[in-house]
Amino acid sequence: MQEKTLFLSAYTMRMETLFLNARVQRKDIAYVSHTMEGYEGLATVTTIDPEKGLIRIAVSPSFLKEVKEILAELQIEVGLELLDEHD
């Protein structure tokens, strides 16, 4: 019996990610993180320095507008301060 080999071609797509750095009060880090989690798949929040309240928001360029709208509300609500934006 002859063995057949099946070759599957791998398909990879380069996904770009933008990173937004922000600062909030330490007590608000979890709130911001959970708020973003509530918008499943729009962005992820990573704590960079909890003592200084520094966080990094990773977002796909296709969701940047929506994420910035949410962050604008968080600026009003908890005083979130956007620091810079880079790839």
N, C-alpha and C. Protein backbone atom coordinates (compact mmCIF):
# COMPACT_ATOMS: atom_id res chain seq x y z
N MET A 1 0.85 -1.17 0.00
CA MET A 1 0.00 0.00 0.00
C MET A 1 0.89 1.24 0.00
N GLN A 2 0.60 2.13 -0.92
CA GLN A 2 1.43 3.33 -1.05
C GLN A 2 0.88 4.42 -0.14
N GLU A 3 1.78 5.05 0.60
CA GLU A 3 1.39 6.12 1.51
C GLU A 3 1.31 7.44 0.75
N LYS A 4 0.24 8.16 0.97
CA LYS A 4 0.07 9.47 0.32
C LYS A 4 0.43 10.57 1.31
N THR A 5 1.06 11.57 0.83
CA THR A 5 1.41 12.71 1.66
C THR A 5 0.61 13.91 1.21
N LEU A 6 -0.01 14.54 2.14
CA LEU A 6 -0.81 15.72 1.84
C LEU A 6 -0.02 16.95 2.27
N PHE A 7 0.16 17.86 1.36
CA PHE A 7 0.87 19.10 1.67
C PHE A 7 -0.14 20.23 1.80
N LEU A 8 -0.08 20.91 2.89
CA LEU A 8 -0.94 22.07 3.11
C LEU A 8 -0.08 23.32 3.01
N SER A 9 -0.52 24.23 2.20
CA SER A 9 0.25 25.46 2.11
C SER A 9 -0.13 26.37 3.27
N ALA A 10 0.86 26.95 3.87
CA ALA A 10 0.62 27.85 5.00
C ALA A 10 0.26 29.23 4.48
N TYR A 11 -0.73 29.80 5.08
CA TYR A 11 -1.18 31.14 4.71
C TYR A 11 -0.93 32.04 5.90
N THR A 12 -0.11 33.03 5.72
CA THR A 12 0.13 33.96 6.80
C THR A 12 -0.17 35.37 6.33
N MET A 13 -0.72 36.14 7.23
CA MET A 13 -1.08 37.51 6.91
C MET A 13 -0.40 38.41 7.94
N ARG A 14 0.26 39.40 7.48
CA ARG A 14 0.94 40.32 8.39
C ARG A 14 -0.09 41.27 8.98
N MET A 15 -0.22 41.20 10.27
CA MET A 15 -1.15 42.07 10.96
C MET A 15 -0.36 43.21 11.60
N GLU A 16 -0.74 44.40 11.28
CA GLU A 16 -0.08 45.55 11.89
C GLU A 16 -0.76 45.87 13.21
N THR A 17 0.02 46.34 14.13
CA THR A 17 -0.51 46.74 15.43
C THR A 17 0.03 48.11 15.75
N LEU A 18 -0.85 48.97 16.20
CA LEU A 18 -0.46 50.29 16.69
C LEU A 18 -0.45 50.24 18.20
N PHE A 19 0.45 50.98 18.80
CA PHE A 19 0.54 51.04 20.25
C PHE A 19 0.31 52.47 20.70
N LEU A 20 -0.63 52.63 21.61
CA LEU A 20 -0.92 53.92 22.20
C LEU A 20 -0.47 53.87 23.65
N ASN A 21 0.39 54.76 24.04
CA ASN A 21 0.83 54.84 25.42
C ASN A 21 -0.03 55.86 26.14
N ALA A 22 -0.39 55.53 27.37
CA ALA A 22 -1.27 56.42 28.13
C ALA A 22 -0.89 56.37 29.60
N ARG A 23 -1.41 57.35 30.33
CA ARG A 23 -1.20 57.40 31.78
C ARG A 23 -2.56 57.60 32.44
N VAL A 24 -2.76 56.84 33.51
CA VAL A 24 -3.95 57.00 34.35
C VAL A 24 -3.51 56.89 35.79
N GLN A 25 -4.39 57.22 36.70
CA GLN A 25 -4.07 56.99 38.10
C GLN A 25 -3.98 55.48 38.32
N ARG A 26 -3.11 55.09 39.20
CA ARG A 26 -2.89 53.67 39.45
C ARG A 26 -4.20 52.93 39.73
N LYS A 27 -5.08 53.55 40.49
CA LYS A 27 -6.34 52.92 40.86
C LYS A 27 -7.26 52.69 39.66
N ASP A 28 -6.99 53.37 38.54
CA ASP A 28 -7.85 53.26 37.36
C ASP A 28 -7.32 52.29 36.29
N ILE A 29 -6.15 51.71 36.50
CA ILE A 29 -5.57 50.80 35.50
C ILE A 29 -6.52 49.63 35.23
N ALA A 30 -6.98 48.98 36.27
CA ALA A 30 -7.87 47.83 36.09
C ALA A 30 -9.17 48.24 35.42
N TYR A 31 -9.70 49.40 35.79
CA TYR A 31 -10.94 49.88 35.18
C TYR A 31 -10.78 50.08 33.68
N VAL A 32 -9.70 50.73 33.28
CA VAL A 32 -9.44 50.96 31.85
C VAL A 32 -9.25 49.62 31.13
N SER A 33 -8.49 48.73 31.73
CA SER A 33 -8.25 47.43 31.12
C SER A 33 -9.55 46.65 30.94
N HIS A 34 -10.37 46.60 31.98
CA HIS A 34 -11.64 45.87 31.90
C HIS A 34 -12.62 46.54 30.94
N THR A 35 -12.58 47.85 30.88
CA THR A 35 -13.44 48.55 29.93
C THR A 35 -13.08 48.16 28.50
N MET A 36 -11.78 48.15 28.19
CA MET A 36 -11.37 47.76 26.83
C MET A 36 -11.67 46.29 26.56
N GLU A 37 -11.52 45.43 27.56
CA GLU A 37 -11.85 44.02 27.39
C GLU A 37 -13.32 43.84 27.04
N GLY A 38 -14.15 44.72 27.55
CA GLY A 38 -15.58 44.66 27.28
C GLY A 38 -15.93 44.87 25.82
N TYR A 39 -15.04 45.46 25.08
CA TYR A 39 -15.22 45.68 23.64
C TYR A 39 -14.48 44.59 22.87
N GLU A 40 -14.69 43.37 23.24
CA GLU A 40 -14.01 42.18 22.72
C GLU A 40 -13.32 42.35 21.38
N GLY A 41 -12.01 42.28 21.41
CA GLY A 41 -11.22 42.27 20.19
C GLY A 41 -10.81 43.62 19.64
N LEU A 42 -11.28 44.71 20.22
CA LEU A 42 -10.89 46.03 19.71
C LEU A 42 -9.46 46.38 20.06
N ALA A 43 -9.07 46.07 21.31
CA ALA A 43 -7.73 46.45 21.76
C ALA A 43 -7.38 45.64 23.00
N THR A 44 -6.09 45.61 23.30
CA THR A 44 -5.63 45.00 24.55
C THR A 44 -4.81 46.03 25.31
N VAL A 45 -4.91 45.95 26.62
CA VAL A 45 -4.20 46.90 27.48
C VAL A 45 -3.15 46.14 28.28
N THR A 46 -1.94 46.67 28.28
CA THR A 46 -0.84 46.11 29.05
C THR A 46 -0.33 47.18 30.01
N THR A 47 -0.10 46.79 31.24
CA THR A 47 0.47 47.73 32.22
C THR A 47 1.98 47.77 32.03
N ILE A 48 2.51 48.96 31.80
CA ILE A 48 3.95 49.15 31.61
C ILE A 48 4.62 49.45 32.95
N ASP A 49 4.05 50.37 33.71
CA ASP A 49 4.60 50.74 35.01
C ASP A 49 3.43 51.10 35.94
N PRO A 50 3.03 50.18 36.80
CA PRO A 50 1.87 50.44 37.65
C PRO A 50 2.06 51.60 38.61
N GLU A 51 3.27 51.81 39.08
CA GLU A 51 3.53 52.92 40.01
C GLU A 51 3.26 54.27 39.37
N LYS A 52 3.61 54.39 38.09
CA LYS A 52 3.41 55.65 37.37
C LYS A 52 2.09 55.68 36.61
N GLY A 53 1.35 54.57 36.61
CA GLY A 53 0.08 54.50 35.90
C GLY A 53 0.24 54.42 34.39
N LEU A 54 1.38 53.92 33.93
CA LEU A 54 1.63 53.86 32.49
C LEU A 54 1.09 52.57 31.90
N ILE A 55 0.30 52.71 30.85
CA ILE A 55 -0.28 51.56 30.17
C ILE A 55 -0.02 51.68 28.66
N ARG A 56 -0.10 50.55 27.98
CA ARG A 56 0.06 50.53 26.51
C ARG A 56 -1.17 49.82 25.94
N ILE A 57 -1.78 50.47 24.97
CA ILE A 57 -2.96 49.92 24.31
C ILE A 57 -2.56 49.47 22.92
N ALA A 58 -2.72 48.18 22.65
CA ALA A 58 -2.40 47.62 21.33
C ALA A 58 -3.70 47.55 20.53
N VAL A 59 -3.68 48.12 19.32
CA VAL A 59 -4.89 48.19 18.52
C VAL A 59 -4.57 47.99 17.04
N SER A 60 -5.45 47.32 16.35
CA SER A 60 -5.33 47.17 14.90
C SER A 60 -5.70 48.50 14.25
N PRO A 61 -5.02 48.89 13.18
CA PRO A 61 -5.35 50.15 12.52
C PRO A 61 -6.82 50.23 12.10
N SER A 62 -7.43 49.10 11.80
CA SER A 62 -8.82 49.12 11.37
C SER A 62 -9.79 49.47 12.50
N PHE A 63 -9.35 49.38 13.75
CA PHE A 63 -10.19 49.72 14.90
C PHE A 63 -9.74 51.00 15.60
N LEU A 64 -8.75 51.69 15.03
CA LEU A 64 -8.18 52.86 15.70
C LEU A 64 -9.22 53.94 15.99
N LYS A 65 -10.07 54.23 15.05
CA LYS A 65 -11.09 55.27 15.24
C LYS A 65 -11.98 54.94 16.44
N GLU A 66 -12.47 53.70 16.50
CA GLU A 66 -13.35 53.29 17.59
C GLU A 66 -12.64 53.33 18.93
N VAL A 67 -11.39 52.87 18.96
CA VAL A 67 -10.63 52.86 20.20
C VAL A 67 -10.37 54.29 20.67
N LYS A 68 -10.05 55.18 19.76
CA LYS A 68 -9.81 56.57 20.16
C LYS A 68 -11.09 57.22 20.71
N GLU A 69 -12.24 56.83 20.19
CA GLU A 69 -13.51 57.34 20.73
C GLU A 69 -13.72 56.86 22.17
N ILE A 70 -13.42 55.59 22.41
CA ILE A 70 -13.53 55.05 23.77
C ILE A 70 -12.54 55.74 24.69
N LEU A 71 -11.31 55.93 24.21
CA LEU A 71 -10.28 56.59 25.03
C LEU A 71 -10.66 58.04 25.33
N ALA A 72 -11.32 58.70 24.39
CA ALA A 72 -11.76 60.08 24.63
C ALA A 72 -12.76 60.12 25.79
N GLU A 73 -13.63 59.13 25.85
CA GLU A 73 -14.57 59.05 26.98
C GLU A 73 -13.84 58.76 28.29
N LEU A 74 -12.83 57.90 28.21
CA LEU A 74 -12.04 57.59 29.41
C LEU A 74 -11.21 58.80 29.86
N GLN A 75 -10.84 59.67 28.92
CA GLN A 75 -10.15 60.90 29.31
C GLN A 75 -11.05 61.74 30.21
N ILE A 76 -12.32 61.80 29.85
CA ILE A 76 -13.28 62.57 30.64
C ILE A 76 -13.58 61.86 31.96
N GLU A 77 -13.80 60.56 31.87
CA GLU A 77 -14.24 59.79 33.03
C GLU A 77 -13.17 59.60 34.10
N VAL A 78 -11.96 59.21 33.69
CA VAL A 78 -10.92 58.91 34.68
C VAL A 78 -9.63 59.72 34.49
N GLY A 79 -9.64 60.67 33.58
CA GLY A 79 -8.46 61.50 33.38
C GLY A 79 -7.35 60.82 32.60
N LEU A 80 -7.68 59.80 31.79
CA LEU A 80 -6.68 59.13 30.96
C LEU A 80 -5.97 60.16 30.09
N GLU A 81 -4.65 60.06 30.04
CA GLU A 81 -3.83 60.97 29.23
C GLU A 81 -3.08 60.18 28.18
N LEU A 82 -3.38 60.43 26.90
CA LEU A 82 -2.62 59.79 25.81
C LEU A 82 -1.26 60.45 25.74
N LEU A 83 -0.21 59.64 25.67
CA LEU A 83 1.15 60.18 25.65
C LEU A 83 1.73 60.26 24.26
N ASP A 84 1.64 59.19 23.51
CA ASP A 84 2.16 59.19 22.15
C ASP A 84 1.61 57.98 21.42
N GLU A 85 1.94 57.88 20.14
CA GLU A 85 1.47 56.78 19.32
C GLU A 85 2.62 56.34 18.43
N HIS A 86 2.86 55.02 18.38
CA HIS A 86 3.91 54.52 17.49
C HIS A 86 3.65 53.07 17.14
N ASP A 87 4.29 52.61 16.04
CA ASP A 87 4.12 51.22 15.59
C ASP A 87 5.06 50.31 16.36
